[in-house]
């Protein structure tokens, strides 16, 4: 398989729906959300409101999305 074919295969996998395969996967998603929610709330408590706080919270949201994509997209 060529480089472009491999990328297209990965894209096909990444762009499809990945329902939770098990209770373990559901629990992993919940753990990611719980940890990053705690971090987000900590940032609200210690970082003054403003652009920096907003950007930090956005990055945590991005981290949550990427972490949960990693949990969901595991190729067996």
Protein backbone atom coordinates (compact mmCIF):
# COMPACT_ATOMS: atom_id res chain seq x y z
CA UNK A 1 0.00 0.00 0.00
CA UNK A 2 1.33 3.46 -0.90
CA UNK A 3 1.60 6.47 1.39
CA UNK A 4 -1.57 8.13 0.06
CA UNK A 5 -3.49 4.84 0.36
CA UNK A 6 -2.42 4.48 3.99
CA UNK A 7 -3.47 8.06 4.73
CA UNK A 8 -6.86 7.48 3.07
CA UNK A 9 -7.33 4.30 5.12
CA UNK A 10 -6.53 6.22 8.32
CA UNK A 11 -8.88 9.03 7.26
CA UNK A 12 -11.69 6.53 6.65
CA UNK A 13 -11.18 5.26 10.19
CA UNK A 14 -10.84 8.69 11.81
CA UNK A 15 -13.86 10.24 10.09
CA UNK A 16 -16.35 7.54 11.02
CA UNK A 17 -18.43 7.27 14.17
CA UNK A 18 -16.77 5.35 16.99
CA UNK A 19 -19.45 4.21 19.45
CA UNK A 20 -18.17 3.03 22.84
CA UNK A 21 -17.02 -0.55 22.37
CA UNK A 22 -17.36 -1.46 26.03
CA UNK A 23 -18.05 -0.18 29.51
CA UNK A 24 -14.29 0.25 29.89
CA UNK A 25 -14.23 2.70 26.97
CA UNK A 26 -17.19 4.61 28.42
CA UNK A 27 -15.37 4.79 31.76
CA UNK A 28 -12.19 6.05 30.08
CA UNK A 29 -14.16 8.85 28.39
CA UNK A 30 -15.69 9.76 31.75
CA UNK A 31 -12.29 9.78 33.45
CA UNK A 32 -10.88 12.15 30.82
CA UNK A 33 -13.87 14.50 31.18
CA UNK A 34 -13.69 14.42 34.99
CA UNK A 35 -9.95 15.16 35.12
CA UNK A 36 -10.11 18.00 32.63
CA UNK A 37 -13.22 19.50 34.26
CA UNK A 38 -11.30 19.61 37.55
CA UNK A 39 -8.39 21.31 35.78
CA UNK A 40 -10.75 23.79 34.11
CA UNK A 41 -12.36 24.69 37.42
CA UNK A 42 -8.92 25.14 38.98
CA UNK A 43 -7.99 27.55 36.20
CA UNK A 44 -11.15 29.56 36.82
CA UNK A 45 -10.18 29.77 40.50
CA UNK A 46 -6.52 30.78 40.04
CA UNK A 47 -6.23 32.58 36.68
CA UNK A 48 -7.81 36.02 36.46
CA UNK A 49 -10.66 36.28 33.96
CA UNK A 50 -9.46 37.43 30.58
CA UNK A 51 -7.90 36.31 27.35
CA UNK A 52 -5.33 34.04 29.00
CA UNK A 53 -7.94 32.21 31.08
CA UNK A 54 -10.16 31.86 28.03
CA UNK A 55 -7.34 30.42 25.93
CA UNK A 56 -6.30 28.02 28.69
CA UNK A 57 -9.88 26.75 28.96
CA UNK A 58 -10.09 26.36 25.18
CA UNK A 59 -6.90 24.30 25.19
CA UNK A 60 -8.35 22.03 27.89
CA UNK A 61 -11.43 21.53 25.71
CA UNK A 62 -9.13 20.64 22.81
CA UNK A 63 -7.20 18.24 25.04
CA UNK A 64 -10.46 16.58 26.06
CA UNK A 65 -11.54 16.15 22.45
CA UNK A 66 -8.20 14.72 21.37
CA UNK A 67 -7.92 12.42 24.38
CA UNK A 68 -11.44 11.09 23.82
CA UNK A 69 -10.71 10.65 20.11
CA UNK A 70 -7.67 8.61 21.09
CA UNK A 71 -9.79 6.44 23.36
CA UNK A 72 -12.51 6.01 20.73
CA UNK A 73 -10.33 5.47 17.68
CA UNK A 74 -8.18 2.61 18.91
CA UNK A 75 -7.77 0.28 15.96
CA UNK A 76 -8.03 -3.34 16.99
